[in-house]
Amino acid sequence: MREFAVLFISLALLALEYYLGTRRKPLLGALLPGGILLLLAGLSIALRDASGLLSGIPCAAGLAAAWLIGRNKATAAEKVELEKMKAKDL
């Protein structure tokens, strides 16, 4: 049962990152991966064990990748809308 909970939380975080990437304020989506890295770095320093940080880097990279995918899709959609507006003006 725990595996399903971890899977659900992971999918929810990826969906949240994708959603934040599609919003107008792009840096909002960078907070979650950065926060995870800062939290894990702090825990690694406090516990004097770098194993948490080593496993957290791929997690933060995956969240950043989901954010970038959403960001690129939003930029492309905005560009298409601007092209449509320019076509109507001419």
Protein backbone atom coordinates (compact mmCIF):
# COMPACT_ATOMS: atom_id res chain seq x y z
CA MET A 1 0.00 0.00 0.00
CA ARG A 2 2.89 2.34 0.75
CA GLU A 3 4.18 1.97 -2.81
CA PHE A 4 0.86 3.22 -4.20
CA ALA A 5 0.98 6.24 -1.91
CA VAL A 6 4.52 7.08 -3.04
CA LEU A 7 3.52 6.61 -6.68
CA PHE A 8 0.47 8.86 -6.24
CA ILE A 9 2.49 11.58 -4.51
CA SER A 10 5.16 11.41 -7.23
CA LEU A 11 2.59 11.72 -10.01
CA ALA A 12 0.87 14.58 -8.19
CA LEU A 13 4.19 16.46 -7.87
CA LEU A 14 4.97 15.93 -11.55
CA ALA A 15 1.50 17.16 -12.52
CA LEU A 16 1.92 20.20 -10.27
CA GLU A 17 5.28 21.01 -11.83
CA TYR A 18 3.85 20.70 -15.34
CA TYR A 19 0.94 22.96 -14.37
CA LEU A 20 3.26 25.55 -12.83
CA GLY A 21 5.34 25.47 -15.99
CA THR A 22 2.36 26.46 -18.09
CA ARG A 23 1.51 29.54 -16.00
CA ARG A 24 2.54 33.10 -16.84
CA LYS A 25 5.05 33.34 -13.96
CA PRO A 26 7.71 30.82 -14.97
CA LEU A 27 9.85 31.02 -11.84
CA LEU A 28 7.01 29.77 -9.67
CA GLY A 29 7.65 26.26 -10.95
CA ALA A 30 11.34 26.47 -10.09
CA LEU A 31 10.56 26.77 -6.38
CA LEU A 32 9.70 23.10 -5.83
CA PRO A 33 12.89 21.52 -7.26
CA GLY A 34 15.01 24.21 -5.63
CA GLY A 35 13.23 23.75 -2.32
CA ILE A 36 13.73 20.00 -2.43
CA LEU A 37 17.44 20.42 -3.11
CA LEU A 38 17.81 22.96 -0.29
CA LEU A 39 15.89 20.73 2.13
CA LEU A 40 17.95 17.67 1.28
CA ALA A 41 21.19 19.65 1.47
CA GLY A 42 20.24 20.92 4.90
CA LEU A 43 19.35 17.43 6.08
CA SER A 44 22.59 16.05 4.68
CA ILE A 45 24.59 18.66 6.55
CA ALA A 46 22.64 18.14 9.78
CA LEU A 47 22.90 14.35 9.64
CA ARG A 48 26.42 14.35 8.13
CA ASP A 49 25.25 11.85 5.53
CA ALA A 50 25.17 12.68 1.81
CA SER A 51 23.04 9.70 0.77
CA GLY A 52 19.82 11.74 0.91
CA LEU A 53 21.26 14.43 -1.29
CA LEU A 54 22.53 11.91 -3.83
CA SER A 55 19.09 10.36 -4.18
CA GLY A 56 17.38 13.77 -4.22
CA ILE A 57 19.28 15.14 -7.19
CA PRO A 58 17.53 12.85 -9.72
CA CYS A 59 14.19 13.65 -8.08
CA ALA A 60 14.75 17.39 -8.44
CA ALA A 61 16.00 16.89 -11.99
CA GLY A 62 12.81 15.02 -12.88
CA LEU A 63 10.68 17.82 -11.44
CA ALA A 64 12.73 20.41 -13.31
CA ALA A 65 12.27 18.42 -16.53
CA ALA A 66 8.48 18.35 -16.04
CA TRP A 67 8.55 22.10 -15.41
CA LEU A 68 10.60 22.71 -18.57
CA ILE A 69 8.24 20.61 -20.68
CA GLY A 70 5.29 22.67 -19.46
CA ARG A 71 7.25 25.90 -19.96
CA ASN A 72 8.14 25.00 -23.56
CA LYS A 73 4.54 24.03 -24.34
CA ALA A 74 3.23 27.30 -22.90
CA THR A 75 5.78 29.32 -24.88
CA ALA A 76 4.82 27.54 -28.10
CA ALA A 77 1.11 28.10 -27.45
CA GLU A 78 1.72 31.78 -26.75
CA LYS A 79 3.71 32.11 -29.96
CA VAL A 80 0.87 30.52 -31.96
CA GLU A 81 -1.63 32.94 -30.39
CA LEU A 82 0.57 35.91 -31.29
CA GLU A 83 0.83 34.68 -34.88
CA LYS A 84 -2.97 34.40 -35.07
CA MET A 85 -3.34 37.93 -33.72
CA LYS A 86 -0.82 39.27 -36.23
CA ALA A 87 -2.63 37.48 -39.06
CA LYS A 88 -5.93 39.09 -38.04
CA ASP A 89 -4.34 42.54 -37.90
CA LEU A 90 -3.11 42.30 -41.48
